[in-house]
C-alpha atoms as a PDB file:
ATOM      1  CA  UNK A   1      12.856  12.457  11.170  1.00  0.00           C
ATOM      2  CA  UNK A   2      16.578  13.486  10.087  1.00  0.00           C
ATOM      3  CA  UNK A   3      17.521  15.101   6.864  1.00  0.00           C
ATOM      4  CA  UNK A   4      21.048  16.156   7.676  1.00  0.00           C
ATOM      5  CA  UNK A   5      23.561  15.772   5.015  1.00  0.00           C
ATOM      6  CA  UNK A   6      25.053  13.245   7.420  1.00  0.00           C
ATOM      7  CA  UNK A   7      22.449  11.099   6.944  1.00  0.00           C
ATOM      8  CA  UNK A   8      22.280  11.013   3.095  1.00  0.00           C
ATOM      9  CA  UNK A   9      25.794  10.547   2.599  1.00  0.00           C
ATOM     10  CA  UNK A  10      27.327   8.322   5.948  1.00  0.00           C
ATOM     11  CA  UNK A  11      29.067   5.883   3.955  1.00  0.00           C
ATOM     12  CA  UNK A  12      31.369   5.542   6.674  1.00  0.00           C
ATOM     13  CA  UNK A  13      28.790   4.992   9.121  1.00  0.00           C
ATOM     14  CA  UNK A  14      26.319   2.959   6.746  1.00  0.00           C
ATOM     15  CA  UNK A  15      24.936  -0.682   7.657  1.00  0.00           C
ATOM     16  CA  UNK A  16      27.686  -3.041   7.295  1.00  0.00           C
ATOM     17  CA  UNK A  17      26.121  -6.534   8.840  1.00  0.00           C
ATOM     18  CA  UNK A  18      22.382  -7.698   9.631  1.00  0.00           C
ATOM     19  CA  UNK A  19      20.447  -6.258  12.319  1.00  0.00           C
ATOM     20  CA  UNK A  20      17.149  -7.271  13.919  1.00  0.00           C
ATOM     21  CA  UNK A  21      14.945  -4.639  15.322  1.00  0.00           C
ATOM     22  CA  UNK A  22      12.137  -5.301  17.388  1.00  0.00           C
ATOM     23  CA  UNK A  23       9.081  -2.827  19.154  1.00  0.00           C
ATOM     24  CA  UNK A  24       6.235  -3.764  21.448  1.00  0.00           C
ATOM     25  CA  UNK A  25       3.168  -1.636  21.153  1.00  0.00           C
ATOM     26  CA  UNK A  26      -0.238  -3.073  22.732  1.00  0.00           C
ATOM     27  CA  UNK A  27       1.201  -6.346  23.188  1.00  0.00           C
ATOM     28  CA  UNK A  28       2.288  -7.081  19.969  1.00  0.00           C
ATOM     29  CA  UNK A  29       5.726  -7.514  19.009  1.00  0.00           C
ATOM     30  CA  UNK A  30       6.985  -5.851  15.436  1.00  0.00           C
ATOM     31  CA  UNK A  31       9.838  -7.205  14.367  1.00  0.00           C
ATOM     32  CA  UNK A  32      12.029  -5.916  11.514  1.00  0.00           C
ATOM     33  CA  UNK A  33      15.350  -6.932   9.745  1.00  0.00           C
ATOM     34  CA  UNK A  34      18.098  -4.372   8.308  1.00  0.00           C
ATOM     35  CA  UNK A  35      20.570  -6.163   5.943  1.00  0.00           C
ATOM     36  CA  UNK A  36      23.901  -5.199   6.065  1.00  0.00           C
ATOM     37  CA  UNK A  37      24.786  -5.765   2.151  1.00  0.00           C
ATOM     38  CA  UNK A  38      23.713  -3.741  -0.710  1.00  0.00           C
ATOM     39  CA  UNK A  39      19.551  -3.003  -1.638  1.00  0.00           C
ATOM     40  CA  UNK A  40      19.304  -4.328  -5.261  1.00  0.00           C
ATOM     41  CA  UNK A  41      15.855  -3.587  -4.932  1.00  0.00           C
ATOM     42  CA  UNK A  42      16.392   0.040  -3.900  1.00  0.00           C
ATOM     43  CA  UNK A  43      18.864   0.143  -6.731  1.00  0.00           C
ATOM     44  CA  UNK A  44      16.230  -0.835  -9.124  1.00  0.00           C
ATOM     45  CA  UNK A  45      13.123   1.001  -8.160  1.00  0.00           C
ATOM     46  CA  UNK A  46      14.665   3.729  -5.908  1.00  0.00           C
ATOM     47  CA  UNK A  47      11.711   5.004  -3.734  1.00  0.00           C
ATOM     48  CA  UNK A  48       8.825   3.114  -5.282  1.00  0.00           C
ATOM     49  CA  UNK A  49      10.459   0.040  -3.062  1.00  0.00           C
ATOM     50  CA  UNK A  50      10.078   1.807  -0.122  1.00  0.00           C
ATOM     51  CA  UNK A  51       6.241   2.670  -1.160  1.00  0.00           C
ATOM     52  CA  UNK A  52       5.273  -0.508  -1.798  1.00  0.00           C
ATOM     53  CA  UNK A  53       7.463  -3.049   0.167  1.00  0.00           C
ATOM     54  CA  UNK A  54       6.015  -4.615   3.236  1.00  0.00           C
ATOM     55  CA  UNK A  55       8.994  -5.074   4.668  1.00  0.00           C
ATOM     56  CA  UNK A  56       9.842  -1.245   5.031  1.00  0.00           C
ATOM     57  CA  UNK A  57       6.575  -0.329   6.885  1.00  0.00           C
ATOM     58  CA  UNK A  58       7.286   1.793   9.541  1.00  0.00           C
ATOM     59  CA  UNK A  59       5.892   5.265  10.155  1.00  0.00           C
ATOM     60  CA  UNK A  60       7.721   8.255   7.818  1.00  0.00           C
ATOM     61  CA  UNK A  61       9.894   6.228   6.074  1.00  0.00           C
ATOM     62  CA  UNK A  62       8.130   6.525   2.726  1.00  0.00           C
ATOM     63  CA  UNK A  63       8.824  10.331   3.181  1.00  0.00           C
ATOM     64  CA  UNK A  64      12.650   9.904   4.463  1.00  0.00           C
ATOM     65  CA  UNK A  65      12.930   7.905   1.054  1.00  0.00           C
ATOM     66  CA  UNK A  66      11.170  10.570  -1.011  1.00  0.00           C
ATOM     67  CA  UNK A  67      13.560  13.138   0.015  1.00  0.00           C
ATOM     68  CA  UNK A  68      16.667  11.840  -1.568  1.00  0.00           C
ATOM     69  CA  UNK A  69      14.613  10.428  -4.478  1.00  0.00           C
ATOM     70  CA  UNK A  70      13.276  13.690  -5.166  1.00  0.00           C
ATOM     71  CA  UNK A  71      16.869  15.038  -5.290  1.00  0.00           C
ATOM     72  CA  UNK A  72      17.809  12.752  -7.556  1.00  0.00           C
ATOM     73  CA  UNK A  73      15.277  13.331  -9.858  1.00  0.00           C
ATOM     74  CA  UNK A  74      16.417  17.080  -9.614  1.00  0.00           C
ATOM     75  CA  UNK A  75      19.921  16.486 -10.247  1.00  0.00           C
ATOM     76  CA  UNK A  76      18.747  14.280 -13.347  1.00  0.00           C
ATOM     77  CA  UNK A  77      17.178  16.930 -14.729  1.00  0.00           C
ATOM     78  CA  UNK A  78      19.488  19.121 -14.587  1.00  0.00           C
ATOM     79  CA  UNK A  79      22.571  17.137 -15.745  1.00  0.00           C
ATOM     80  CA  UNK A  80      20.142  16.430 -18.746  1.00  0.00           C
ATOM     81  CA  UNK A  81      19.797  19.933 -19.216  1.00  0.00           C
ATOM     82  CA  UNK A  82      23.676  21.076 -18.869  1.00  0.00           C
ATOM     83  CA  UNK A  83      25.863  18.062 -19.961  1.00  0.00           C
ATOM     84  CA  UNK A  84      25.562  15.370 -23.117  1.00  0.00           C
ATOM     85  CA  UNK A  85      23.406  12.431 -22.703  1.00  0.00           C
ATOM     86  CA  UNK A  86      26.196  10.225 -21.792  1.00  0.00           C
ATOM     87  CA  UNK A  87      26.971  12.361 -18.548  1.00  0.00           C
ATOM     88  CA  UNK A  88      23.775  12.489 -17.640  1.00  0.00           C
ATOM     89  CA  UNK A  89      23.413   8.869 -17.675  1.00  0.00           C
ATOM     90  CA  UNK A  90      26.313   8.359 -15.687  1.00  0.00           C
ATOM     91  CA  UNK A  91      24.844  10.609 -12.954  1.00  0.00           C
ATOM     92  CA  UNK A  92      21.476   8.617 -13.186  1.00  0.00           C
ATOM     93  CA  UNK A  93      23.572   5.410 -12.667  1.00  0.00           C
ATOM     94  CA  UNK A  94      25.431   6.450  -9.503  1.00  0.00           C
ATOM     95  CA  UNK A  95      22.458   8.340  -7.859  1.00  0.00           C
ATOM     96  CA  UNK A  96      20.892   4.688  -8.413  1.00  0.00           C
ATOM     97  CA  UNK A  97      24.117   3.121  -6.821  1.00  0.00           C
ATOM     98  CA  UNK A  98      24.241   5.689  -3.914  1.00  0.00           C
ATOM     99  CA  UNK A  99      20.365   5.206  -3.246  1.00  0.00           C
ATOM    100  CA  UNK A 100      21.054   1.234  -2.794  1.00  0.00           C
ATOM    101  CA  UNK A 101      24.008   1.565  -0.959  1.00  0.00           C
ATOM    102  CA  UNK A 102      22.244   3.797   1.372  1.00  0.00           C
ATOM    103  CA  UNK A 103      18.721   2.566   1.624  1.00  0.00           C
ATOM    104  CA  UNK A 104      19.267  -0.073   4.495  1.00  0.00           C
ATOM    105  CA  UNK A 105      20.927   2.786   6.400  1.00  0.00           C
ATOM    106  CA  UNK A 106      18.330   4.998   6.388  1.00  0.00           C
ATOM    107  CA  UNK A 107      15.651   2.455   7.050  1.00  0.00           C
ATOM    108  CA  UNK A 108      17.591   1.341  10.382  1.00  0.00           C
ATOM    109  CA  UNK A 109      17.752   5.236  11.140  1.00  0.00           C
ATOM    110  CA  UNK A 110      14.039   5.360  10.944  1.00  0.00           C
ATOM    111  CA  UNK A 111      13.394   2.394  12.806  1.00  0.00           C
ATOM    112  CA  UNK A 112      15.642   3.517  15.872  1.00  0.00           C
ATOM    113  CA  UNK A 113      13.529   6.862  15.190  1.00  0.00           C
ATOM    114  CA  UNK A 114      10.431   4.933  15.595  1.00  0.00           C
ATOM    115  CA  UNK A 115      11.724   3.566  19.002  1.00  0.00           C
ATOM    116  CA  UNK A 116      12.538   0.111  17.988  1.00  0.00           C
ATOM    117  CA  UNK A 117      15.129  -1.193  19.657  1.00  0.00           C
ATOM    118  CA  UNK A 118      18.208  -3.616  18.446  1.00  0.00           C
ATOM    119  CA  UNK A 119      18.048  -7.430  19.420  1.00  0.00           C
ATOM    120  CA  UNK A 120      21.567  -8.334  20.687  1.00  0.00           C
END
């Protein structure tokens, strides 16, 4: 699991096209699709989308998405303490947009870490 800064904010290296990943274990082939678009479900539900989505079930992905979610919670709490309500709301919305943009990239990276291979 990689928690590097470039993993969190690598907008230039984010997924921009649909990809299919497969992994064969014990004779069973698992196929996962990574979409190259903005993830609206991740914007709306952040970490809870990774937690409850059947599509995102792969080892350690819930933990990988929980770390930026908890960072967002901390940033939002600090923003509410230090700034006006409008500034805190703006920071909250920007954080949700960031989460929606990067979610598919985090998913792809976790699939690769878990041994999935990209289909051509």
